[in-house]
PDB file of N, CA and C in Angstrom:
ATOM      1  N   UNK A   1      93.391 101.844  77.303  1.00  0.00           N
ATOM      2  CA  UNK A   1      92.743 101.057  78.115  1.00  0.00           C
ATOM      3  C   UNK A   1      93.144 101.766  79.317  1.00  0.00           C
ATOM      4  N   UNK A   2      92.147 101.870  80.370  1.00  0.00           N
ATOM      5  CA  UNK A   2      92.565 102.508  81.593  1.00  0.00           C
ATOM      6  C   UNK A   2      92.674 101.498  82.675  1.00  0.00           C
ATOM      7  N   UNK A   3      93.010 101.489  83.766  1.00  0.00           N
ATOM      8  CA  UNK A   3      93.317 100.680  84.827  1.00  0.00           C
ATOM      9  C   UNK A   3      92.299  99.751  85.231  1.00  0.00           C
ATOM     10  N   UNK A   4      91.013 100.523  85.221  1.00  0.00           N
ATOM     11  CA  UNK A   4      89.622  99.745  85.588  1.00  0.00           C
ATOM     12  C   UNK A   4      89.547  98.595  84.807  1.00  0.00           C
ATOM     13  N   UNK A   5      89.546  99.119  83.697  1.00  0.00           N
ATOM     14  CA  UNK A   5      89.453  97.918  82.340  1.00  0.00           C
ATOM     15  C   UNK A   5      90.187  96.671  82.525  1.00  0.00           C
ATOM     16  N   UNK A   6      91.708  97.061  82.837  1.00  0.00           N
ATOM     17  CA  UNK A   6      92.470  96.192  82.814  1.00  0.00           C
ATOM     18  C   UNK A   6      92.305  95.126  83.865  1.00  0.00           C
ATOM     19  N   UNK A   7      92.003  95.858  85.187  1.00  0.00           N
ATOM     20  CA  UNK A   7      91.522  95.020  86.469  1.00  0.00           C
ATOM     21  C   UNK A   7      90.283  94.065  86.310  1.00  0.00           C
ATOM     22  N   UNK A   8      89.307  94.688  85.540  1.00  0.00           N
ATOM     23  CA  UNK A   8      88.122  93.812  85.154  1.00  0.00           C
ATOM     24  C   UNK A   8      88.504  92.549  84.545  1.00  0.00           C
ATOM     25  N   UNK A   9      89.288  92.867  83.418  1.00  0.00           N
ATOM     26  CA  UNK A   9      89.562  91.536  82.372  1.00  0.00           C
ATOM     27  C   UNK A   9      90.516  90.754  83.330  1.00  0.00           C
ATOM     28  N   UNK A  10      91.415  90.979  83.916  1.00  0.00           N
ATOM     29  CA  UNK A  10      92.352  89.964  84.662  1.00  0.00           C
ATOM     30  C   UNK A  10      91.571  89.266  85.879  1.00  0.00           C
ATOM     31  N   UNK A  11      90.531  90.116  86.303  1.00  0.00           N
ATOM     32  CA  UNK A  11      89.422  89.408  87.118  1.00  0.00           C
ATOM     33  C   UNK A  11      88.314  88.416  86.319  1.00  0.00           C
ATOM     34  N   UNK A  12      88.067  88.809  85.159  1.00  0.00           N
ATOM     35  CA  UNK A  12      87.275  87.752  84.856  1.00  0.00           C
ATOM     36  C   UNK A  12      87.639  86.485  84.322  1.00  0.00           C
ATOM     37  N   UNK A  13      88.993  86.439  84.225  1.00  0.00           N
ATOM     38  CA  UNK A  13      89.655  85.081  84.024  1.00  0.00           C
ATOM     39  C   UNK A  13      89.872  83.965  85.103  1.00  0.00           C
ATOM     40  N   UNK A  14      89.761  82.649  84.840  1.00  0.00           N
ATOM     41  CA  UNK A  14      89.288  81.572  85.724  1.00  0.00           C
ATOM     42  C   UNK A  14      90.529  81.778  86.746  1.00  0.00           C
ATOM     43  N   UNK A  15      90.068  81.314  88.028  1.00  0.00           N
ATOM     44  CA  UNK A  15      91.225  81.271  89.230  1.00  0.00           C
ATOM     45  C   UNK A  15      91.746  82.684  89.298  1.00  0.00           C
ATOM     46  N   UNK A  16      91.471  83.426  89.007  1.00  0.00           N
ATOM     47  CA  UNK A  16      91.957  84.851  89.421  1.00  0.00           C
ATOM     48  C   UNK A  16      91.844  85.462  90.799  1.00  0.00           C
ATOM     49  N   UNK A  17      92.859  86.222  91.324  1.00  0.00           N
ATOM     50  CA  UNK A  17      92.576  86.839  92.697  1.00  0.00           C
ATOM     51  C   UNK A  17      93.406  88.024  92.434  1.00  0.00           C
ATOM     52  N   UNK A  18      92.878  89.287  93.214  1.00  0.00           N
ATOM     53  CA  UNK A  18      93.690  90.218  93.622  1.00  0.00           C
ATOM     54  C   UNK A  18      94.388  90.412  94.695  1.00  0.00           C
ATOM     55  N   UNK A  19      95.486  90.885  95.297  1.00  0.00           N
ATOM     56  CA  UNK A  19      95.888  91.078  96.455  1.00  0.00           C
ATOM     57  C   UNK A  19      96.957  92.411  96.540  1.00  0.00           C
ATOM     58  N   UNK A  20      97.357  92.536  97.513  1.00  0.00           N
ATOM     59  CA  UNK A  20      98.451  93.832  97.848  1.00  0.00           C
ATOM     60  C   UNK A  20      99.515  92.866  98.505  1.00  0.00           C
ATOM     61  N   UNK A  21     100.440  92.029  98.066  1.00  0.00           N
ATOM     62  CA  UNK A  21     101.419  91.353  98.853  1.00  0.00           C
ATOM     63  C   UNK A  21     102.361  92.141  99.316  1.00  0.00           C
ATOM     64  N   UNK A  22     103.006  92.921  98.817  1.00  0.00           N
ATOM     65  CA  UNK A  22     103.895  94.307  98.547  1.00  0.00           C
ATOM     66  C   UNK A  22     104.071  95.303  99.721  1.00  0.00           C
ATOM     67  N   UNK A  23     102.970  95.943  99.016  1.00  0.00           N
ATOM     68  CA  UNK A  23     102.369  97.383  99.789  1.00  0.00           C
ATOM     69  C   UNK A  23     101.417  97.748  99.271  1.00  0.00           C
ATOM     70  N   UNK A  24     100.701  98.612  99.736  1.00  0.00           N
ATOM     71  CA  UNK A  24      99.357  99.205  99.516  1.00  0.00           C
ATOM     72  C   UNK A  24      99.127  99.934  98.144  1.00  0.00           C
ATOM     73  N   UNK A  25     100.150  99.979  97.539  1.00  0.00           N
ATOM     74  CA  UNK A  25     100.271 100.555  96.172  1.00  0.00           C
ATOM     75  C   UNK A  25     100.380  99.712  94.886  1.00  0.00           C
ATOM     76  N   UNK A  26     100.740  98.301  95.226  1.00  0.00           N
ATOM     77  CA  UNK A  26     101.012  97.514  94.355  1.00  0.00           C
ATOM     78  C   UNK A  26     100.276  96.289  94.236  1.00  0.00           C
ATOM     79  N   UNK A  27      99.149  96.525  93.165  1.00  0.00           N
ATOM     80  CA  UNK A  27      98.171  95.806  92.846  1.00  0.00           C
ATOM     81  C   UNK A  27      98.637  94.207  91.913  1.00  0.00           C
ATOM     82  N   UNK A  28      98.571  93.159  92.775  1.00  0.00           N
ATOM     83  CA  UNK A  28      98.692  91.757  92.185  1.00  0.00           C
ATOM     84  C   UNK A  28      97.843  91.119  91.746  1.00  0.00           C
ATOM     85  N   UNK A  29      97.938  90.688  90.499  1.00  0.00           N
ATOM     86  CA  UNK A  29      97.132  89.293  90.109  1.00  0.00           C
ATOM     87  C   UNK A  29      97.202  88.127  90.168  1.00  0.00           C
ATOM     88  N   UNK A  30      96.811  87.261  90.621  1.00  0.00           N
ATOM     89  CA  UNK A  30      97.374  85.989  90.581  1.00  0.00           C
ATOM     90  C   UNK A  30      96.151  84.674  89.917  1.00  0.00           C
ATOM     91  N   UNK A  31      96.757  83.689  89.246  1.00  0.00           N
ATOM     92  CA  UNK A  31      95.980  82.467  88.994  1.00  0.00           C
ATOM     93  C   UNK A  31      96.564  81.479  90.210  1.00  0.00           C
ATOM     94  N   UNK A  32      95.590  80.938  90.332  1.00  0.00           N
ATOM     95  CA  UNK A  32      95.645  79.949  91.855  1.00  0.00           C
ATOM     96  C   UNK A  32      96.846  80.135  92.218  1.00  0.00           C
ATOM     97  N   UNK A  33      97.057  81.479  92.698  1.00  0.00           N
ATOM     98  CA  UNK A  33      98.488  81.957  93.595  1.00  0.00           C
ATOM     99  C   UNK A  33      99.612  82.095  92.938  1.00  0.00           C
ATOM    100  N   UNK A  34      99.561  82.257  91.823  1.00  0.00           N
ATOM    101  CA  UNK A  34     100.897  82.341  90.751  1.00  0.00           C
ATOM    102  C   UNK A  34     100.620  83.585  90.468  1.00  0.00           C
ATOM    103  N   UNK A  35     101.369  84.649  90.295  1.00  0.00           N
ATOM    104  CA  UNK A  35     101.712  86.031  90.040  1.00  0.00           C
ATOM    105  C   UNK A  35     101.799  86.198  88.125  1.00  0.00           C
ATOM    106  N   UNK A  36     100.716  86.688  87.678  1.00  0.00           N
ATOM    107  CA  UNK A  36     100.869  86.922  86.072  1.00  0.00           C
ATOM    108  C   UNK A  36     100.645  88.300  85.723  1.00  0.00           C
ATOM    109  N   UNK A  37     100.278  89.309  86.438  1.00  0.00           N
ATOM    110  CA  UNK A  37     100.066  90.700  86.222  1.00  0.00           C
ATOM    111  C   UNK A  37     100.122  91.480  87.825  1.00  0.00           C
ATOM    112  N   UNK A  38     100.853  92.560  87.269  1.00  0.00           N
ATOM    113  CA  UNK A  38     100.783  93.568  88.553  1.00  0.00           C
ATOM    114  C   UNK A  38     100.697  95.140  88.135  1.00  0.00           C
ATOM    115  N   UNK A  39     100.444  96.216  88.730  1.00  0.00           N
ATOM    116  CA  UNK A  39     100.410  97.334  88.625  1.00  0.00           C
ATOM    117  C   UNK A  39     101.020  98.290  89.844  1.00  0.00           C
ATOM    118  N   UNK A  40     101.497  99.352  89.643  1.00  0.00           N
ATOM    119  CA  UNK A  40     101.635 100.126  90.873  1.00  0.00           C
ATOM    120  C   UNK A  40     100.382 101.185  90.561  1.00  0.00           C
ATOM    121  N   UNK A  41      99.758 101.214  91.281  1.00  0.00           N
ATOM    122  CA  UNK A  41      98.348 102.377  91.363  1.00  0.00           C
ATOM    123  C   UNK A  41      98.559 103.628  91.559  1.00  0.00           C
ATOM    124  N   UNK A  42      99.904 104.104  91.804  1.00  0.00           N
ATOM    125  CA  UNK A  42     100.089 105.535  91.975  1.00  0.00           C
ATOM    126  C   UNK A  42     101.193 105.794  90.797  1.00  0.00           C
ATOM    127  N   UNK A  43     101.453 104.808  89.800  1.00  0.00           N
ATOM    128  CA  UNK A  43     102.606 105.013  88.889  1.00  0.00           C
ATOM    129  C   UNK A  43     101.754 105.854  87.698  1.00  0.00           C
ATOM    130  N   UNK A  44     102.203 107.157  87.204  1.00  0.00           N
ATOM    131  CA  UNK A  44     101.630 107.870  86.146  1.00  0.00           C
ATOM    132  C   UNK A  44     102.704 108.110  85.020  1.00  0.00           C
ATOM    133  N   UNK A  45     102.681 107.961  83.943  1.00  0.00           N
ATOM    134  CA  UNK A  45     101.579 107.031  83.405  1.00  0.00           C
ATOM    135  C   UNK A  45     100.926 105.729  83.791  1.00  0.00           C
ATOM    136  N   UNK A  46      99.801 105.064  83.602  1.00  0.00           N
ATOM    137  CA  UNK A  46      99.573 104.058  83.922  1.00  0.00           C
ATOM    138  C   UNK A  46     100.506 103.004  83.274  1.00  0.00           C
ATOM    139  N   UNK A  47     100.905 101.893  84.370  1.00  0.00           N
ATOM    140  CA  UNK A  47     101.777 101.063  83.649  1.00  0.00           C
ATOM    141  C   UNK A  47     101.395  99.636  84.598  1.00  0.00           C
ATOM    142  N   UNK A  48     101.770  98.790  83.726  1.00  0.00           N
ATOM    143  CA  UNK A  48     101.651  97.506  84.221  1.00  0.00           C
ATOM    144  C   UNK A  48     102.704  96.226  83.833  1.00  0.00           C
ATOM    145  N   UNK A  49     102.535  95.247  84.595  1.00  0.00           N
ATOM    146  CA  UNK A  49     103.740  94.517  84.206  1.00  0.00           C
ATOM    147  C   UNK A  49     103.066  93.176  84.054  1.00  0.00           C
ATOM    148  N   UNK A  50     103.635  92.274  82.912  1.00  0.00           N
ATOM    149  CA  UNK A  50     102.852  91.308  82.250  1.00  0.00           C
ATOM    150  C   UNK A  50     104.481  90.244  81.904  1.00  0.00           C
ATOM    151  N   UNK A  51     104.107  89.004  82.500  1.00  0.00           N
ATOM    152  CA  UNK A  51     104.899  88.127  81.968  1.00  0.00           C
ATOM    153  C   UNK A  51     104.956  87.848  80.516  1.00  0.00           C
ATOM    154  N   UNK A  52     106.137  87.342  79.929  1.00  0.00           N
ATOM    155  CA  UNK A  52     105.912  87.375  78.270  1.00  0.00           C
ATOM    156  C   UNK A  52     107.176  86.184  78.098  1.00  0.00           C
ATOM    157  N   UNK A  53     107.054  85.325  76.796  1.00  0.00           N
ATOM    158  CA  UNK A  53     107.977  84.928  76.341  1.00  0.00           C
ATOM    159  C   UNK A  53     109.004  85.590  76.031  1.00  0.00           C
ATOM    160  N   UNK A  54     110.188  85.172  76.441  1.00  0.00           N
ATOM    161  CA  UNK A  54     111.377  86.209  76.107  1.00  0.00           C
ATOM    162  C   UNK A  54     111.886  86.437  74.517  1.00  0.00           C
ATOM    163  N   UNK A  55     111.304  85.950  73.695  1.00  0.00           N
ATOM    164  CA  UNK A  55     111.762  86.088  72.397  1.00  0.00           C
ATOM    165  C   UNK A  55     110.713  87.167  71.740  1.00  0.00           C
ATOM    166  N   UNK A  56     109.428  87.002  72.390  1.00  0.00           N
ATOM    167  CA  UNK A  56     108.293  87.839  71.888  1.00  0.00           C
ATOM    168  C   UNK A  56     108.651  89.391  72.623  1.00  0.00           C
ATOM    169  N   UNK A  57     109.045  88.976  73.829  1.00  0.00           N
ATOM    170  CA  UNK A  57     109.419  90.190  74.529  1.00  0.00           C
ATOM    171  C   UNK A  57     110.175  91.433  73.572  1.00  0.00           C
ATOM    172  N   UNK A  58     111.377  90.539  73.301  1.00  0.00           N
ATOM    173  CA  UNK A  58     112.584  91.362  72.486  1.00  0.00           C
ATOM    174  C   UNK A  58     111.398  92.216  71.167  1.00  0.00           C
ATOM    175  N   UNK A  59     110.965  91.298  70.482  1.00  0.00           N
ATOM    176  CA  UNK A  59     109.869  92.041  69.179  1.00  0.00           C
ATOM    177  C   UNK A  59     108.918  92.965  69.595  1.00  0.00           C
ATOM    178  N   UNK A  60     108.353  92.955  70.943  1.00  0.00           N
ATOM    179  CA  UNK A  60     107.341  93.666  71.558  1.00  0.00           C
ATOM    180  C   UNK A  60     107.967  95.189  71.528  1.00  0.00           C
ATOM    181  N   UNK A  61     109.453  94.820  72.399  1.00  0.00           N
ATOM    182  CA  UNK A  61     109.820  96.224  72.738  1.00  0.00           C
ATOM    183  C   UNK A  61     110.836  97.073  71.598  1.00  0.00           C
ATOM    184  N   UNK A  62     110.967  96.170  70.683  1.00  0.00           N
ATOM    185  CA  UNK A  62     111.590  97.081  69.320  1.00  0.00           C
ATOM    186  C   UNK A  62     110.142  97.728  68.940  1.00  0.00           C
ATOM    187  N   UNK A  63     109.067  96.845  68.537  1.00  0.00           N
ATOM    188  CA  UNK A  63     108.015  97.303  67.906  1.00  0.00           C
ATOM    189  C   UNK A  63     106.949  98.536  68.560  1.00  0.00           C
ATOM    190  N   UNK A  64     107.125  98.578  69.884  1.00  0.00           N
ATOM    191  CA  UNK A  64     106.506  99.511  70.516  1.00  0.00           C
ATOM    192  C   UNK A  64     107.543 100.542  71.685  1.00  0.00           C
ATOM    193  N   UNK A  65     108.663 100.582  70.802  1.00  0.00           N
ATOM    194  CA  UNK A  65     109.781 101.056  71.826  1.00  0.00           C
ATOM    195  C   UNK A  65     109.366 102.566  72.816  1.00  0.00           C
ATOM    196  N   UNK A  66     109.796 102.105  73.639  1.00  0.00           N
ATOM    197  CA  UNK A  66     109.416 103.057  74.603  1.00  0.00           C
ATOM    198  C   UNK A  66     107.912 103.181  75.392  1.00  0.00           C
ATOM    199  N   UNK A  67     107.240 102.190  74.654  1.00  0.00           N
ATOM    200  CA  UNK A  67     105.847 101.794  75.012  1.00  0.00           C
ATOM    201  C   UNK A  67     105.518 100.739  75.858  1.00  0.00           C
ATOM    202  N   UNK A  68     106.665  99.624  75.165  1.00  0.00           N
ATOM    203  CA  UNK A  68     107.134  98.551  76.243  1.00  0.00           C
ATOM    204  C   UNK A  68     108.359  98.511  76.575  1.00  0.00           C
ATOM    205  N   UNK A  69     108.434  98.074  77.926  1.00  0.00           N
ATOM    206  CA  UNK A  69     109.855  98.263  78.310  1.00  0.00           C
ATOM    207  C   UNK A  69     110.155  96.963  79.032  1.00  0.00           C
ATOM    208  N   UNK A  70     111.501  97.128  79.188  1.00  0.00           N
ATOM    209  CA  UNK A  70     111.785  95.462  80.016  1.00  0.00           C
ATOM    210  C   UNK A  70     111.129  95.794  81.453  1.00  0.00           C
ATOM    211  N   UNK A  71     110.488  94.653  82.264  1.00  0.00           N
ATOM    212  CA  UNK A  71     109.840  94.838  83.332  1.00  0.00           C
ATOM    213  C   UNK A  71     110.317  95.705  84.197  1.00  0.00           C
ATOM    214  N   UNK A  72     109.792  96.739  84.917  1.00  0.00           N
ATOM    215  CA  UNK A  72     110.229  97.543  86.217  1.00  0.00           C
ATOM    216  C   UNK A  72     110.523  96.541  87.354  1.00  0.00           C
ATOM    217  N   UNK A  73     111.419  96.674  87.884  1.00  0.00           N
ATOM    218  CA  UNK A  73     111.609  95.629  89.269  1.00  0.00           C
ATOM    219  C   UNK A  73     111.545  94.367  89.024  1.00  0.00           C
ATOM    220  N   UNK A  74     111.312  93.516  87.687  1.00  0.00           N
ATOM    221  CA  UNK A  74     111.054  92.211  87.385  1.00  0.00           C
ATOM    222  C   UNK A  74     112.329  91.655  86.542  1.00  0.00           C
ATOM    223  N   UNK A  75     112.212  90.469  86.458  1.00  0.00           N
ATOM    224  CA  UNK A  75     113.077  89.739  85.701  1.00  0.00           C
ATOM    225  C   UNK A  75     113.008  90.421  84.090  1.00  0.00           C
ATOM    226  N   UNK A  76     114.044  91.078  83.530  1.00  0.00           N
ATOM    227  CA  UNK A  76     113.874  91.839  82.305  1.00  0.00           C
ATOM    228  C   UNK A  76     113.903  90.661  81.352  1.00  0.00           C
ATOM    229  N   UNK A  77     114.034  89.490  81.609  1.00  0.00           N
ATOM    230  CA  UNK A  77     114.154  88.649  80.483  1.00  0.00           C
ATOM    231  C   UNK A  77     112.504  88.042  80.516  1.00  0.00           C
ATOM    232  N   UNK A  78     111.793  87.758  81.579  1.00  0.00           N
ATOM    233  CA  UNK A  78     110.337  87.141  81.491  1.00  0.00           C
ATOM    234  C   UNK A  78     109.135  88.319  81.489  1.00  0.00           C
ATOM    235  N   UNK A  79     109.678  89.491  81.708  1.00  0.00           N
ATOM    236  CA  UNK A  79     108.272  90.391  82.498  1.00  0.00           C
ATOM    237  C   UNK A  79     108.555  91.625  81.432  1.00  0.00           C
ATOM    238  N   UNK A  80     107.480  92.305  80.766  1.00  0.00           N
ATOM    239  CA  UNK A  80     107.773  93.537  80.347  1.00  0.00           C
ATOM    240  C   UNK A  80     106.730  94.590  81.031  1.00  0.00           C
ATOM    241  N   UNK A  81     106.833  95.714  81.008  1.00  0.00           N
ATOM    242  CA  UNK A  81     106.240  96.992  81.860  1.00  0.00           C
ATOM    243  C   UNK A  81     105.348  97.625  80.373  1.00  0.00           C
ATOM    244  N   UNK A  82     104.337  97.585  80.710  1.00  0.00           N
ATOM    245  CA  UNK A  82     103.291  98.255  79.275  1.00  0.00           C
ATOM    246  C   UNK A  82     102.748  99.483  79.788  1.00  0.00           C
ATOM    247  N   UNK A  83     102.937 100.604  79.161  1.00  0.00           N
ATOM    248  CA  UNK A  83     102.223 101.904  79.212  1.00  0.00           C
ATOM    249  C   UNK A  83     100.861 102.016  78.474  1.00  0.00           C
ATOM    250  N   UNK A  84      99.882 101.035  79.246  1.00  0.00           N
ATOM    251  CA  UNK A  84      98.529 100.652  78.599  1.00  0.00           C
ATOM    252  C   UNK A  84      97.679 101.884  77.826  1.00  0.00           C
ATOM    253  N   UNK A  85      97.868 103.076  78.388  1.00  0.00           N
ATOM    254  CA  UNK A  85      97.158 103.979  77.702  1.00  0.00           C
ATOM    255  C   UNK A  85      97.650 104.359  76.666  1.00  0.00           C
ATOM    256  N   UNK A  86      98.633 104.046  76.060  1.00  0.00           N
ATOM    257  CA  UNK A  86      99.557 104.459  74.775  1.00  0.00           C
ATOM    258  C   UNK A  86      99.274 103.244  73.808  1.00  0.00           C
ATOM    259  N   UNK A  87      98.764 101.866  74.084  1.00  0.00           N
ATOM    260  CA  UNK A  87      98.551 100.984  73.374  1.00  0.00           C
ATOM    261  C   UNK A  87      97.423 100.535  73.031  1.00  0.00           C
ATOM    262  N   UNK A  88      97.191  99.608  71.829  1.00  0.00           N
ATOM    263  CA  UNK A  88      95.540  99.641  71.553  1.00  0.00           C
ATOM    264  C   UNK A  88      95.075  98.554  72.031  1.00  0.00           C
ATOM    265  N   UNK A  89      94.005  98.598  73.080  1.00  0.00           N
ATOM    266  CA  UNK A  89      93.263  97.971  73.790  1.00  0.00           C
ATOM    267  C   UNK A  89      93.336  96.458  73.653  1.00  0.00           C
ATOM    268  N   UNK A  90      93.042  96.098  72.315  1.00  0.00           N
ATOM    269  CA  UNK A  90      93.409  94.503  71.686  1.00  0.00           C
ATOM    270  C   UNK A  90      94.575  93.959  71.962  1.00  0.00           C
ATOM    271  N   UNK A  91      95.791  94.972  71.833  1.00  0.00           N
ATOM    272  CA  UNK A  91      96.960  94.310  72.114  1.00  0.00           C
ATOM    273  C   UNK A  91      97.191  93.806  73.662  1.00  0.00           C
ATOM    274  N   UNK A  92      96.754  94.907  74.457  1.00  0.00           N
ATOM    275  CA  UNK A  92      96.882  94.667  75.679  1.00  0.00           C
ATOM    276  C   UNK A  92      95.954  93.442  76.265  1.00  0.00           C
ATOM    277  N   UNK A  93      94.879  93.221  75.796  1.00  0.00           N
ATOM    278  CA  UNK A  93      93.973  91.814  76.260  1.00  0.00           C
ATOM    279  C   UNK A  93      94.627  90.650  75.607  1.00  0.00           C
ATOM    280  N   UNK A  94      95.221  90.851  74.324  1.00  0.00           N
ATOM    281  CA  UNK A  94      96.194  89.642  73.928  1.00  0.00           C
ATOM    282  C   UNK A  94      97.310  89.261  74.827  1.00  0.00           C
ATOM    283  N   UNK A  95      98.207  90.196  75.504  1.00  0.00           N
ATOM    284  CA  UNK A  95      99.225  90.345  76.231  1.00  0.00           C
ATOM    285  C   UNK A  95      99.018  89.650  77.709  1.00  0.00           C
ATOM    286  N   UNK A  96      97.856  90.239  78.245  1.00  0.00           N
ATOM    287  CA  UNK A  96      97.119  89.547  79.590  1.00  0.00           C
ATOM    288  C   UNK A  96      96.775  87.957  79.236  1.00  0.00           C
ATOM    289  N   UNK A  97      96.126  87.485  78.069  1.00  0.00           N
ATOM    290  CA  UNK A  97      95.846  86.272  78.134  1.00  0.00           C
ATOM    291  C   UNK A  97      97.211  85.660  77.844  1.00  0.00           C
ATOM    292  N   UNK A  98      98.500  85.933  77.430  1.00  0.00           N
ATOM    293  CA  UNK A  98      99.631  85.547  77.249  1.00  0.00           C
ATOM    294  C   UNK A  98     100.275  84.927  78.557  1.00  0.00           C
ATOM    295  N   UNK A  99     100.309  86.224  78.960  1.00  0.00           N
ATOM    296  CA  UNK A  99     101.079  86.151  80.441  1.00  0.00           C
ATOM    297  C   UNK A  99     100.077  84.966  81.429  1.00  0.00           C
ATOM    298  N   UNK A 100      98.830  85.125  81.577  1.00  0.00           N
ATOM    299  CA  UNK A 100      98.058  83.884  81.922  1.00  0.00           C
ATOM    300  C   UNK A 100      98.461  82.830  81.723  1.00  0.00           C
ATOM    301  N   UNK A 101      98.489  82.721  80.481  1.00  0.00           N
ATOM    302  CA  UNK A 101      98.424  81.096  79.766  1.00  0.00           C
ATOM    303  C   UNK A 101      99.866  80.581  80.152  1.00  0.00           C
ATOM    304  N   UNK A 102     101.024  81.552  80.103  1.00  0.00           N
ATOM    305  CA  UNK A 102     102.457  80.825  80.413  1.00  0.00           C
ATOM    306  C   UNK A 102     102.437  80.477  81.924  1.00  0.00           C
ATOM    307  N   UNK A 103     101.617  81.072  83.111  1.00  0.00           N
ATOM    308  CA  UNK A 103     101.611  80.995  83.879  1.00  0.00           C
ATOM    309  C   UNK A 103     100.822  79.438  84.552  1.00  0.00           C
ATOM    310  N   UNK A 104      99.609  79.508  83.836  1.00  0.00           N
ATOM    311  CA  UNK A 104      98.944  78.163  83.805  1.00  0.00           C
ATOM    312  C   UNK A 104      99.549  76.918  83.262  1.00  0.00           C
ATOM    313  N   UNK A 105     100.410  77.279  81.992  1.00  0.00           N
ATOM    314  CA  UNK A 105     100.984  75.979  81.652  1.00  0.00           C
ATOM    315  C   UNK A 105     102.115  75.815  82.342  1.00  0.00           C
ATOM    316  N   UNK A 106     102.623  76.342  83.322  1.00  0.00           N
ATOM    317  CA  UNK A 106     103.469  76.009  84.466  1.00  0.00           C
ATOM    318  C   UNK A 106     102.987  75.239  85.593  1.00  0.00           C
ATOM    319  N   UNK A 107     101.576  74.869  85.488  1.00  0.00           N
ATOM    320  CA  UNK A 107     101.225  74.459  87.036  1.00  0.00           C
ATOM    321  C   UNK A 107     101.385  73.094  87.039  1.00  0.00           C
ATOM    322  N   UNK A 108     101.708  72.516  88.451  1.00  0.00           N
ATOM    323  CA  UNK A 108     101.955  71.081  88.766  1.00  0.00           C
ATOM    324  C   UNK A 108     100.833  70.606  88.567  1.00  0.00           C
ATOM    325  N   UNK A 109     100.866  69.150  88.549  1.00  0.00           N
ATOM    326  CA  UNK A 109      99.565  68.256  88.161  1.00  0.00           C
ATOM    327  C   UNK A 109      98.641  68.488  89.049  1.00  0.00           C
ATOM    328  N   UNK A 110      98.928  68.823  90.677  1.00  0.00           N
ATOM    329  CA  UNK A 110      98.243  69.198  91.560  1.00  0.00           C
ATOM    330  C   UNK A 110      97.400  70.335  91.150  1.00  0.00           C
ATOM    331  N   UNK A 111      98.144  71.254  91.053  1.00  0.00           N
ATOM    332  CA  UNK A 111      97.525  72.797  90.618  1.00  0.00           C
ATOM    333  C   UNK A 111      96.672  72.871  89.454  1.00  0.00           C
ATOM    334  N   UNK A 112      97.014  72.023  88.422  1.00  0.00           N
ATOM    335  CA  UNK A 112      96.514  71.899  87.219  1.00  0.00           C
ATOM    336  C   UNK A 112      94.948  71.155  87.360  1.00  0.00           C
ATOM    337  N   UNK A 113      94.779  70.393  88.418  1.00  0.00           N
ATOM    338  CA  UNK A 113      93.742  69.305  88.716  1.00  0.00           C
ATOM    339  C   UNK A 113      92.642  70.236  89.316  1.00  0.00           C
ATOM    340  N   UNK A 114      93.234  71.232  90.449  1.00  0.00           N
ATOM    341  CA  UNK A 114      92.402  71.959  91.312  1.00  0.00           C
ATOM    342  C   UNK A 114      92.139  73.099  90.286  1.00  0.00           C
ATOM    343  N   UNK A 115      92.885  73.789  89.235  1.00  0.00           N
ATOM    344  CA  UNK A 115      92.463  74.557  88.094  1.00  0.00           C
ATOM    345  C   UNK A 115      91.154  74.284  87.599  1.00  0.00           C
ATOM    346  N   UNK A 116      91.290  72.823  86.883  1.00  0.00           N
ATOM    347  CA  UNK A 116      90.489  72.284  85.801  1.00  0.00           C
ATOM    348  C   UNK A 116      89.103  72.129  86.562  1.00  0.00           C
ATOM    349  N   UNK A 117      88.997  71.757  87.982  1.00  0.00           N
ATOM    350  CA  UNK A 117      88.009  71.714  88.712  1.00  0.00           C
ATOM    351  C   UNK A 117      86.976  72.720  88.979  1.00  0.00           C
ATOM    352  N   UNK A 118      87.658  73.993  88.822  1.00  0.00           N
ATOM    353  CA  UNK A 118      87.174  75.428  89.115  1.00  0.00           C
ATOM    354  C   UNK A 118      85.772  75.494  87.726  1.00  0.00           C
ATOM    355  N   UNK A 119      85.034  75.770  88.184  1.00  0.00           N
ATOM    356  CA  UNK A 119      83.680  76.151  87.075  1.00  0.00           C
ATOM    357  C   UNK A 119      83.758  77.288  86.569  1.00  0.00           C
TER     358      UNK A 119
END
């Protein structure tokens, strides 16, 4: 998977926006204002950070040693860095969904109502 495919998939999800809150090189994807994915546009090979359940993070890091690592500049417990060009696209899509779902599950009642009102 390349960065454009990654970007397109993230933006296809309900309530998602993209922005550059840190600098002009770090693209962040948010659902209803809450971050679920980011990527350094100048990092080579292409890397993305995704939120992940801590137990699943450990299993993924073991199974994909060196290709899925603890989140770069993120909480190592809750974030992974993925080298997306070296992973199966189906797995990346699944992990984007997982990250997105973790964030949506933590919405406040108010934010959840706003999210559900989106078409």
